[in-house]
Amino acid sequence: MISNMKSMKLKGVLAGCLLAASMSLPAQTEKGDWAQFGRYAEANKRLEIPTNVVFMGNSITDGWWPADSTFFIQNDFIDRGISGQTTSEMLVRFRQDVLDLRPRAVVILAGINDIAHNNGVIALENVFGNLVSMAELAKLHGIKVIFCSVLPAYDFPWRPGLEPAGKVIRLNRMIREYAEANGLTYVDYHSAMKDGRDGLPANLSKDGVHPTLEGYKIMEKLVLEAIQKTLR
């Protein structure tokens, strides 16, 4: 009798543990939205589809809107940058934040956070592969692709000592050669913004990575010309 009661109590405890575990799964999944699908989910629902041009990127794109929202509003551009993201995260959310919006073109600026090892070490070839995958998906859906060079960076304030300048140049070379070989547009921010160390000068960035308004103005001129040429 005692052993049966112990067995029943044990089964009750196990059932309670399983129930608690199952109830906690949705919360864990929501909290672990590693690609941040939720960031633009509601905004995407409110958009008039198809849209004009989507800007896909990281904090450099994410910070562009607060720095100069007029640029996006006047030109009917959509900002879908998320701070800190790598190309792997962007590739995962590319369907929701680009393809499903059916833009005429997508402007892709990505790769610096991969070089900074934000999600761990990744080879430049694999970073490039993620960018190519985004381009292939866009082309499959009839979306024009505009690749932007990664901005110059001499060092990272949040992860110093990685010597990114040369890696940025190598990745940009891969992107440019791919764009030229496949008839895609390439916007060379790097050449227009670099200093003597292949980094960002103080007037264009306060931390050596993120542009000031003056930096964004240079980018706006270059990318607007590229968009107009591409869509013609």
C-alpha atoms as a PDB file:
ATOM      1  CA  MET A   1       0.000   0.000   0.000  1.00  0.00           C
ATOM      2  CA  ILE A   2       2.793   2.382   0.986  1.00  0.00           C
ATOM      3  CA  SER A   3       4.761   1.532  -2.151  1.00  0.00           C
ATOM      4  CA  ASN A   4       1.646   2.140  -4.287  1.00  0.00           C
ATOM      5  CA  MET A   5       1.116   5.537  -2.657  1.00  0.00           C
ATOM      6  CA  LYS A   6       4.773   6.447  -3.262  1.00  0.00           C
ATOM      7  CA  SER A   7       4.399   5.371  -6.875  1.00  0.00           C
ATOM      8  CA  MET A   8       1.270   7.490  -7.318  1.00  0.00           C
ATOM      9  CA  LYS A   9       2.990  10.522  -5.747  1.00  0.00           C
ATOM     10  CA  LEU A  10       5.997  10.047  -8.026  1.00  0.00           C
ATOM     11  CA  LYS A  11       3.747   9.858 -11.073  1.00  0.00           C
ATOM     12  CA  GLY A  12       1.990  13.017  -9.920  1.00  0.00           C
ATOM     13  CA  VAL A  13       5.282  14.864  -9.527  1.00  0.00           C
ATOM     14  CA  LEU A  14       6.460  13.742 -12.977  1.00  0.00           C
ATOM     15  CA  ALA A  15       3.167  14.768 -14.577  1.00  0.00           C
ATOM     16  CA  GLY A  16       3.426  18.185 -12.919  1.00  0.00           C
ATOM     17  CA  CYS A  17       6.976  18.620 -14.155  1.00  0.00           C
ATOM     18  CA  LEU A  18       5.986  17.684 -17.704  1.00  0.00           C
ATOM     19  CA  LEU A  19       3.026  20.076 -17.614  1.00  0.00           C
ATOM     20  CA  ALA A  20       5.207  22.912 -16.313  1.00  0.00           C
ATOM     21  CA  ALA A  21       7.812  22.211 -18.967  1.00  0.00           C
ATOM     22  CA  SER A  22       5.233  22.175 -21.757  1.00  0.00           C
ATOM     23  CA  MET A  23       3.690  25.426 -20.524  1.00  0.00           C
ATOM     24  CA  SER A  24       7.086  27.138 -20.452  1.00  0.00           C
ATOM     25  CA  LEU A  25       8.027  26.238 -24.032  1.00  0.00           C
ATOM     26  CA  PRO A  26       6.119  29.045 -25.786  1.00  0.00           C
ATOM     27  CA  ALA A  27       7.587  31.624 -23.409  1.00  0.00           C
ATOM     28  CA  GLN A  28      11.101  30.310 -24.008  1.00  0.00           C
ATOM     29  CA  THR A  29      10.558  30.372 -27.776  1.00  0.00           C
ATOM     30  CA  GLU A  30       9.250  33.943 -27.674  1.00  0.00           C
ATOM     31  CA  LYS A  31      12.103  35.094 -25.461  1.00  0.00           C
ATOM     32  CA  GLY A  32      14.586  33.335 -27.736  1.00  0.00           C
ATOM     33  CA  ASP A  33      13.578  35.167 -30.933  1.00  0.00           C
ATOM     34  CA  TRP A  34      17.211  35.169 -32.005  1.00  0.00           C
ATOM     35  CA  ALA A  35      16.578  36.515 -35.533  1.00  0.00           C
ATOM     36  CA  GLN A  36      14.105  39.104 -34.150  1.00  0.00           C
ATOM     37  CA  PHE A  37      11.161  38.203 -36.370  1.00  0.00           C
ATOM     38  CA  GLY A  38       9.016  40.219 -33.983  1.00  0.00           C
ATOM     39  CA  ARG A  39      10.860  43.482 -34.530  1.00  0.00           C
ATOM     40  CA  TYR A  40       8.993  44.460 -37.711  1.00  0.00           C
ATOM     41  CA  ALA A  41       6.095  41.985 -37.682  1.00  0.00           C
ATOM     42  CA  GLU A  42       3.403  44.555 -36.878  1.00  0.00           C
ATOM     43  CA  ALA A  43       4.930  47.240 -39.089  1.00  0.00           C
ATOM     44  CA  ASN A  44       4.952  44.811 -42.019  1.00  0.00           C
ATOM     45  CA  LYS A  45       1.227  44.148 -41.566  1.00  0.00           C
ATOM     46  CA  ARG A  46       0.487  47.862 -41.851  1.00  0.00           C
ATOM     47  CA  LEU A  47       2.483  48.369 -45.050  1.00  0.00           C
ATOM     48  CA  GLU A  48       0.884  48.849 -48.416  1.00  0.00           C
ATOM     49  CA  ILE A  49       2.193  45.950 -50.494  1.00  0.00           C
ATOM     50  CA  PRO A  50       3.963  45.930 -52.893  1.00  0.00           C
ATOM     51  CA  THR A  51       6.467  48.454 -51.539  1.00  0.00           C
ATOM     52  CA  ASN A  52       9.139  50.488 -53.307  1.00  0.00           C
ATOM     53  CA  VAL A  53      12.604  49.724 -51.891  1.00  0.00           C
ATOM     54  CA  VAL A  54      13.597  47.854 -48.713  1.00  0.00           C
ATOM     55  CA  PHE A  55      16.905  48.521 -46.935  1.00  0.00           C
ATOM     56  CA  MET A  56      18.137  45.341 -45.224  1.00  0.00           C
ATOM     57  CA  GLY A  57      20.956  45.655 -42.719  1.00  0.00           C
ATOM     58  CA  ASN A  58      22.307  45.921 -39.193  1.00  0.00           C
ATOM     59  CA  SER A  59      22.726  48.871 -36.806  1.00  0.00           C
ATOM     60  CA  ILE A  60      24.087  51.088 -39.573  1.00  0.00           C
ATOM     61  CA  THR A  61      20.775  50.709 -41.405  1.00  0.00           C
ATOM     62  CA  ASP A  62      18.792  50.626 -38.152  1.00  0.00           C
ATOM     63  CA  GLY A  63      20.290  53.969 -37.100  1.00  0.00           C
ATOM     64  CA  TRP A  64      19.720  55.559 -40.490  1.00  0.00           C
ATOM     65  CA  TRP A  65      16.018  56.213 -39.879  1.00  0.00           C
ATOM     66  CA  PRO A  66      16.454  58.157 -36.612  1.00  0.00           C
ATOM     67  CA  ALA A  67      19.399  60.038 -38.134  1.00  0.00           C
ATOM     68  CA  ASP A  68      17.502  61.118 -41.272  1.00  0.00           C
ATOM     69  CA  SER A  69      13.969  59.728 -41.547  1.00  0.00           C
ATOM     70  CA  THR A  70      13.190  62.280 -44.266  1.00  0.00           C
ATOM     71  CA  PHE A  71      15.378  60.336 -46.685  1.00  0.00           C
ATOM     72  CA  PHE A  72      13.149  57.277 -46.308  1.00  0.00           C
ATOM     73  CA  ILE A  73       9.819  59.100 -46.199  1.00  0.00           C
ATOM     74  CA  GLN A  74      10.413  61.285 -49.257  1.00  0.00           C
ATOM     75  CA  ASN A  75      11.635  58.377 -51.374  1.00  0.00           C
ATOM     76  CA  ASP A  76       9.146  55.743 -50.142  1.00  0.00           C
ATOM     77  CA  PHE A  77      11.957  53.569 -48.791  1.00  0.00           C
ATOM     78  CA  ILE A  78      11.476  50.993 -46.027  1.00  0.00           C
ATOM     79  CA  ASP A  79      14.115  50.524 -43.298  1.00  0.00           C
ATOM     80  CA  ARG A  80      14.495  46.949 -42.058  1.00  0.00           C
ATOM     81  CA  GLY A  81      17.809  47.186 -40.216  1.00  0.00           C
ATOM     82  CA  ILE A  82      18.305  45.515 -36.839  1.00  0.00           C
ATOM     83  CA  SER A  83      21.179  46.497 -34.574  1.00  0.00           C
ATOM     84  CA  GLY A  84      23.828  43.854 -33.934  1.00  0.00           C
ATOM     85  CA  GLN A  85      22.665  41.416 -36.592  1.00  0.00           C
ATOM     86  CA  THR A  86      24.907  39.201 -38.674  1.00  0.00           C
ATOM     87  CA  THR A  87      24.222  37.978 -42.211  1.00  0.00           C
ATOM     88  CA  SER A  88      22.966  34.648 -40.827  1.00  0.00           C
ATOM     89  CA  GLU A  89      20.196  36.398 -38.877  1.00  0.00           C
ATOM     90  CA  MET A  90      19.313  38.604 -41.836  1.00  0.00           C
ATOM     91  CA  LEU A  91      19.094  35.604 -44.152  1.00  0.00           C
ATOM     92  CA  VAL A  92      16.645  33.882 -41.797  1.00  0.00           C
ATOM     93  CA  ARG A  93      14.312  36.903 -41.673  1.00  0.00           C
ATOM     94  CA  PHE A  94      14.798  37.837 -45.333  1.00  0.00           C
ATOM     95  CA  ARG A  95      11.482  36.285 -46.365  1.00  0.00           C
ATOM     96  CA  GLN A  96       9.414  38.173 -43.790  1.00  0.00           C
ATOM     97  CA  ASP A  97      11.195  41.527 -43.989  1.00  0.00           C
ATOM     98  CA  VAL A  98      11.941  41.637 -47.724  1.00  0.00           C
ATOM     99  CA  LEU A  99      10.334  38.994 -49.961  1.00  0.00           C
ATOM    100  CA  ASP A 100       6.855  39.205 -48.456  1.00  0.00           C
ATOM    101  CA  LEU A 101       6.865  42.998 -48.916  1.00  0.00           C
ATOM    102  CA  ARG A 102       7.365  42.530 -52.674  1.00  0.00           C
ATOM    103  CA  PRO A 103       9.614  45.569 -53.180  1.00  0.00           C
ATOM    104  CA  ARG A 104      10.938  46.667 -56.524  1.00  0.00           C
ATOM    105  CA  ALA A 105      14.463  46.506 -55.120  1.00  0.00           C
ATOM    106  CA  VAL A 106      16.376  45.568 -51.973  1.00  0.00           C
ATOM    107  CA  VAL A 107      19.458  47.412 -50.718  1.00  0.00           C
ATOM    108  CA  ILE A 108      21.698  45.032 -48.760  1.00  0.00           C
ATOM    109  CA  LEU A 109      24.348  46.399 -46.389  1.00  0.00           C
ATOM    110  CA  ALA A 110      25.704  43.635 -44.161  1.00  0.00           C
ATOM    111  CA  GLY A 111      28.786  41.823 -42.934  1.00  0.00           C
ATOM    112  CA  ILE A 112      30.499  44.054 -40.385  1.00  0.00           C
ATOM    113  CA  ASN A 113      29.007  42.205 -37.389  1.00  0.00           C
ATOM    114  CA  ASP A 114      30.164  38.885 -38.814  1.00  0.00           C
ATOM    115  CA  ILE A 115      33.685  40.299 -38.964  1.00  0.00           C
ATOM    116  CA  ALA A 116      33.204  41.456 -35.359  1.00  0.00           C
ATOM    117  CA  HIS A 117      32.252  37.868 -34.377  1.00  0.00           C
ATOM    118  CA  ASN A 118      28.923  38.982 -32.886  1.00  0.00           C
ATOM    119  CA  ASN A 119      27.623  35.407 -33.162  1.00  0.00           C
ATOM    120  CA  GLY A 120      30.986  33.683 -33.021  1.00  0.00           C
ATOM    121  CA  VAL A 121      33.755  33.141 -35.542  1.00  0.00           C
ATOM    122  CA  ILE A 122      32.665  32.793 -39.176  1.00  0.00           C
ATOM    123  CA  ALA A 123      34.793  32.590 -42.311  1.00  0.00           C
ATOM    124  CA  LEU A 124      34.482  35.424 -44.816  1.00  0.00           C
ATOM    125  CA  GLU A 125      33.518  32.857 -47.442  1.00  0.00           C
ATOM    126  CA  ASN A 126      30.487  31.896 -45.362  1.00  0.00           C
ATOM    127  CA  VAL A 127      29.546  35.539 -44.798  1.00  0.00           C
ATOM    128  CA  PHE A 128      29.719  36.006 -48.557  1.00  0.00           C
ATOM    129  CA  GLY A 129      27.616  32.867 -49.028  1.00  0.00           C
ATOM    130  CA  ASN A 130      24.851  34.332 -46.856  1.00  0.00           C
ATOM    131  CA  LEU A 131      24.877  37.504 -48.947  1.00  0.00           C
ATOM    132  CA  VAL A 132      24.696  35.497 -52.174  1.00  0.00           C
ATOM    133  CA  SER A 133      21.767  33.502 -50.794  1.00  0.00           C
ATOM    134  CA  MET A 134      19.868  36.727 -50.099  1.00  0.00           C
ATOM    135  CA  ALA A 135      20.577  37.939 -53.629  1.00  0.00           C
ATOM    136  CA  GLU A 136      19.442  34.656 -55.178  1.00  0.00           C
ATOM    137  CA  LEU A 137      16.198  34.680 -53.186  1.00  0.00           C
ATOM    138  CA  ALA A 138      15.502  38.254 -54.231  1.00  0.00           C
ATOM    139  CA  LYS A 139      16.181  37.551 -57.910  1.00  0.00           C
ATOM    140  CA  LEU A 140      13.934  34.482 -57.775  1.00  0.00           C
ATOM    141  CA  HIS A 141      11.105  36.762 -56.639  1.00  0.00           C
ATOM    142  CA  GLY A 142      11.752  39.413 -59.279  1.00  0.00           C
ATOM    143  CA  ILE A 143      13.353  41.883 -56.852  1.00  0.00           C
ATOM    144  CA  LYS A 144      16.295  43.983 -58.048  1.00  0.00           C
ATOM    145  CA  VAL A 145      19.409  43.573 -55.883  1.00  0.00           C
ATOM    146  CA  ILE A 146      21.638  46.456 -54.839  1.00  0.00           C
ATOM    147  CA  PHE A 147      24.708  45.400 -52.869  1.00  0.00           C
ATOM    148  CA  CYS A 148      26.530  47.958 -50.739  1.00  0.00           C
ATOM    149  CA  SER A 149      30.123  47.713 -49.674  1.00  0.00           C
ATOM    150  CA  VAL A 150      30.741  47.222 -45.968  1.00  0.00           C
ATOM    151  CA  LEU A 151      31.756  50.548 -44.422  1.00  0.00           C
ATOM    152  CA  PRO A 152      35.399  51.066 -43.396  1.00  0.00           C
ATOM    153  CA  ALA A 153      36.299  50.009 -39.848  1.00  0.00           C
ATOM    154  CA  TYR A 154      39.733  50.186 -38.242  1.00  0.00           C
ATOM    155  CA  ASP A 155      38.667  48.677 -34.905  1.00  0.00           C
ATOM    156  CA  PHE A 156      35.527  47.741 -32.940  1.00  0.00           C
ATOM    157  CA  PRO A 157      34.864  49.576 -29.665  1.00  0.00           C
ATOM    158  CA  TRP A 158      32.893  46.596 -28.339  1.00  0.00           C
ATOM    159  CA  ARG A 159      35.493  44.003 -29.407  1.00  0.00           C
ATOM    160  CA  PRO A 160      38.900  45.633 -29.922  1.00  0.00           C
ATOM    161  CA  GLY A 161      41.921  43.984 -31.479  1.00  0.00           C
ATOM    162  CA  LEU A 162      40.272  42.052 -34.338  1.00  0.00           C
ATOM    163  CA  GLU A 163      41.929  44.252 -37.001  1.00  0.00           C
ATOM    164  CA  PRO A 164      38.879  44.392 -39.292  1.00  0.00           C
ATOM    165  CA  ALA A 165      40.145  46.856 -41.926  1.00  0.00           C
ATOM    166  CA  GLY A 166      41.737  44.277 -44.209  1.00  0.00           C
ATOM    167  CA  LYS A 167      38.867  41.790 -43.756  1.00  0.00           C
ATOM    168  CA  VAL A 168      36.371  44.457 -44.775  1.00  0.00           C
ATOM    169  CA  ILE A 169      38.357  45.109 -47.956  1.00  0.00           C
ATOM    170  CA  ARG A 170      38.480  41.380 -48.764  1.00  0.00           C
ATOM    171  CA  LEU A 171      34.753  40.908 -48.230  1.00  0.00           C
ATOM    172  CA  ASN A 172      33.972  43.966 -50.325  1.00  0.00           C
ATOM    173  CA  ARG A 173      36.084  42.563 -53.138  1.00  0.00           C
ATOM    174  CA  MET A 174      34.034  39.339 -53.076  1.00  0.00           C
ATOM    175  CA  ILE A 175      30.768  41.285 -53.116  1.00  0.00           C
ATOM    176  CA  ARG A 176      31.876  43.598 -55.937  1.00  0.00           C
ATOM    177  CA  GLU A 177      33.129  40.756 -58.122  1.00  0.00           C
ATOM    178  CA  TYR A 178      29.896  38.795 -57.585  1.00  0.00           C
ATOM    179  CA  ALA A 179      27.789  41.842 -58.429  1.00  0.00           C
ATOM    180  CA  GLU A 180      29.768  42.539 -61.597  1.00  0.00           C
ATOM    181  CA  ALA A 181      29.615  38.895 -62.706  1.00  0.00           C
ATOM    182  CA  ASN A 182      25.848  38.719 -62.187  1.00  0.00           C
ATOM    183  CA  GLY A 183      24.736  42.112 -63.459  1.00  0.00           C
ATOM    184  CA  LEU A 184      23.850  43.479 -60.028  1.00  0.00           C
ATOM    185  CA  THR A 185      24.341  47.006 -58.744  1.00  0.00           C
ATOM    186  CA  TYR A 186      27.245  47.650 -56.363  1.00  0.00           C
ATOM    187  CA  VAL A 187      27.466  50.798 -54.215  1.00  0.00           C
ATOM    188  CA  ASP A 188      30.982  51.616 -53.045  1.00  0.00           C
ATOM    189  CA  TYR A 189      30.603  53.409 -49.714  1.00  0.00           C
ATOM    190  CA  HIS A 190      34.052  52.248 -48.647  1.00  0.00           C
ATOM    191  CA  SER A 191      36.080  54.235 -51.172  1.00  0.00           C
ATOM    192  CA  ALA A 192      34.046  57.385 -50.540  1.00  0.00           C
ATOM    193  CA  MET A 193      34.318  57.268 -46.747  1.00  0.00           C
ATOM    194  CA  LYS A 194      37.641  55.676 -45.737  1.00  0.00           C
ATOM    195  CA  ASP A 195      40.554  57.489 -44.115  1.00  0.00           C
ATOM    196  CA  GLY A 196      44.281  56.731 -44.357  1.00  0.00           C
ATOM    197  CA  ARG A 197      43.935  53.680 -42.069  1.00  0.00           C
ATOM    198  CA  ASP A 198      40.993  52.238 -44.025  1.00  0.00           C
ATOM    199  CA  GLY A 199      38.729  53.250 -41.163  1.00  0.00           C
ATOM    200  CA  LEU A 200      36.033  55.893 -40.765  1.00  0.00           C
ATOM    201  CA  PRO A 201      37.328  59.431 -40.067  1.00  0.00           C
ATOM    202  CA  ALA A 202      36.093  61.290 -36.974  1.00  0.00           C
ATOM    203  CA  ASN A 203      33.800  63.612 -38.941  1.00  0.00           C
ATOM    204  CA  LEU A 204      31.936  60.633 -40.393  1.00  0.00           C
ATOM    205  CA  SER A 205      31.745  58.486 -37.241  1.00  0.00           C
ATOM    206  CA  LYS A 206      32.028  59.001 -33.494  1.00  0.00           C
ATOM    207  CA  ASP A 207      32.901  55.370 -32.712  1.00  0.00           C
ATOM    208  CA  GLY A 208      34.676  54.306 -35.907  1.00  0.00           C
ATOM    209  CA  VAL A 209      31.791  52.086 -37.070  1.00  0.00           C
ATOM    210  CA  HIS A 210      28.465  53.950 -37.130  1.00  0.00           C
ATOM    211  CA  PRO A 211      28.064  56.984 -39.408  1.00  0.00           C
ATOM    212  CA  THR A 212      27.261  60.489 -38.297  1.00  0.00           C
ATOM    213  CA  LEU A 213      24.624  62.436 -40.215  1.00  0.00           C
ATOM    214  CA  GLU A 214      27.430  63.692 -42.458  1.00  0.00           C
ATOM    215  CA  GLY A 215      28.340  60.080 -43.169  1.00  0.00           C
ATOM    216  CA  TYR A 216      24.751  59.134 -43.924  1.00  0.00           C
ATOM    217  CA  LYS A 217      24.480  62.060 -46.336  1.00  0.00           C
ATOM    218  CA  ILE A 218      27.370  60.645 -48.367  1.00  0.00           C
ATOM    219  CA  MET A 219      25.682  57.234 -48.369  1.00  0.00           C
ATOM    220  CA  GLU A 220      22.337  58.718 -49.382  1.00  0.00           C
ATOM    221  CA  LYS A 221      23.767  60.416 -52.449  1.00  0.00           C
ATOM    222  CA  LEU A 222      25.513  57.253 -53.617  1.00  0.00           C
ATOM    223  CA  VAL A 223      22.667  54.820 -52.959  1.00  0.00           C
ATOM    224  CA  LEU A 224      19.990  57.110 -54.402  1.00  0.00           C
ATOM    225  CA  GLU A 225      21.905  57.328 -57.674  1.00  0.00           C
ATOM    226  CA  ALA A 226      22.286  53.541 -57.675  1.00  0.00           C
ATOM    227  CA  ILE A 227      18.579  52.955 -56.990  1.00  0.00           C
ATOM    228  CA  GLN A 228      17.459  55.340 -59.725  1.00  0.00           C
ATOM    229  CA  LYS A 229      19.823  53.712 -62.217  1.00  0.00           C
ATOM    230  CA  THR A 230      18.765  50.196 -61.214  1.00  0.00           C
ATOM    231  CA  LEU A 231      15.025  50.851 -61.381  1.00  0.00           C
ATOM    232  CA  ARG A 232      15.276  52.618 -64.748  1.00  0.00           C
END
